[in-house]
Amino acid sequence: MSETPPDRLAANPNSPYYDEKLLERGVGVRFKGVEKTNVEEYCVSEGWVRLSAGKTLDRAGNPMTVKLKGPVEPYFRDAASEGTAEA
């Protein structure tokens, strides 16, 4: 498996950018230098993230999201934890 996360990834199984194996591996996202844990979807090349807005749901039962623009840095959580364990 590649050591770099994909350019675009979504947590919604109905999205064409959904990848179950990558999500099981654990992908973390830094947005504007801050770790975000409520990311529903991101795109590095276009520079945006979709964050869930609390616990509110739309009429289809999906989380309501807010799209924010800025620098996006995805990483694999397992690689980050290995690096900190050795230090």
Protein backbone atom coordinates (compact mmCIF):
# COMPACT_ATOMS: atom_id res chain seq x y z
CA MET A 1 0.00 0.00 0.00
CA SER A 2 1.18 3.52 -0.75
CA GLU A 3 2.65 5.65 2.05
CA THR A 4 0.86 8.80 0.85
CA PRO A 5 -2.89 9.25 1.35
CA PRO A 6 -5.02 9.87 -1.76
CA ASP A 7 -5.71 13.36 -3.10
CA ARG A 8 -9.40 13.01 -2.24
CA LEU A 9 -11.14 10.74 0.28
CA ALA A 10 -14.67 10.55 1.69
CA ALA A 11 -16.11 8.79 4.75
CA ASN A 12 -19.55 8.32 3.14
CA PRO A 13 -19.95 4.85 1.52
CA ASN A 14 -22.19 6.36 -1.19
CA SER A 15 -19.39 8.63 -2.44
CA PRO A 16 -17.19 7.62 -5.40
CA TYR A 17 -14.17 8.72 -3.30
CA TYR A 18 -14.90 6.25 -0.47
CA ASP A 19 -12.15 3.66 0.22
CA GLU A 20 -12.86 1.29 3.10
CA LYS A 21 -9.32 -0.13 3.30
CA LEU A 22 -7.75 3.31 3.66
CA LEU A 23 -10.27 4.35 6.31
CA GLU A 24 -9.60 1.15 8.29
CA ARG A 25 -5.88 1.95 8.16
CA GLY A 26 -6.63 5.35 9.69
CA VAL A 27 -6.24 8.66 7.88
CA GLY A 28 -5.71 11.83 9.88
CA VAL A 29 -6.22 15.33 8.48
CA ARG A 30 -4.55 18.61 9.42
CA PHE A 31 -6.44 21.65 8.16
CA LYS A 32 -4.61 24.97 8.37
CA GLY A 33 -2.12 23.25 10.68
CA VAL A 34 -4.78 22.05 13.16
CA GLU A 35 -5.75 18.39 13.66
CA LYS A 36 -9.40 17.82 12.68
CA THR A 37 -11.33 14.75 13.84
CA ASN A 38 -14.73 15.53 12.26
CA VAL A 39 -13.69 15.43 8.57
CA GLU A 40 -16.28 13.82 6.29
CA GLU A 41 -14.37 14.45 3.03
CA TYR A 42 -11.24 16.27 1.86
CA CYS A 43 -9.48 17.25 -1.37
CA VAL A 44 -5.82 18.27 -1.27
CA SER A 45 -5.52 19.57 -4.86
CA GLU A 46 -8.59 21.82 -4.54
CA GLY A 47 -7.74 22.80 -0.94
CA TRP A 48 -10.95 22.08 0.98
CA VAL A 49 -12.45 19.89 3.69
CA ARG A 50 -16.03 19.02 4.61
CA LEU A 51 -16.54 18.99 8.36
CA SER A 52 -19.60 17.60 10.09
CA ALA A 53 -21.58 20.33 11.83
CA GLY A 54 -22.30 18.86 15.24
CA LYS A 55 -24.84 16.07 15.47
CA THR A 56 -27.35 17.58 13.04
CA LEU A 57 -28.57 15.38 10.19
CA ASP A 58 -30.13 16.21 6.85
CA ARG A 59 -33.45 14.70 5.79
CA ALA A 60 -31.66 11.67 4.29
CA GLY A 61 -29.97 10.93 7.64
CA ASN A 62 -26.50 12.09 6.58
CA PRO A 63 -24.48 14.50 8.73
CA MET A 64 -24.82 18.18 7.87
CA THR A 65 -21.47 19.46 6.64
CA VAL A 66 -19.61 22.73 6.24
CA LYS A 67 -17.09 23.18 3.43
CA LEU A 68 -13.97 25.15 4.39
CA LYS A 69 -11.10 26.17 2.11
CA GLY A 70 -7.43 26.18 3.05
CA PRO A 71 -4.32 23.98 3.12
CA VAL A 72 -5.11 20.28 3.73
CA GLU A 73 -2.48 17.79 4.97
CA PRO A 74 -3.67 14.16 5.15
CA TYR A 75 -1.49 11.48 6.77
CA PHE A 76 -1.75 7.88 7.88
CA ARG A 77 -2.24 7.61 11.65
CA ASP A 78 -0.27 4.37 11.93
CA ALA A 79 2.81 6.03 10.38
CA ALA A 80 2.50 8.98 12.79
CA SER A 81 2.20 6.74 15.86
CA GLU A 82 5.24 4.69 14.79
CA GLY A 83 7.31 7.87 14.48
CA THR A 84 6.37 9.10 17.96
CA ALA A 85 6.91 5.71 19.60
CA GLU A 86 10.55 5.60 18.51
CA ALA A 87 11.36 9.12 19.73
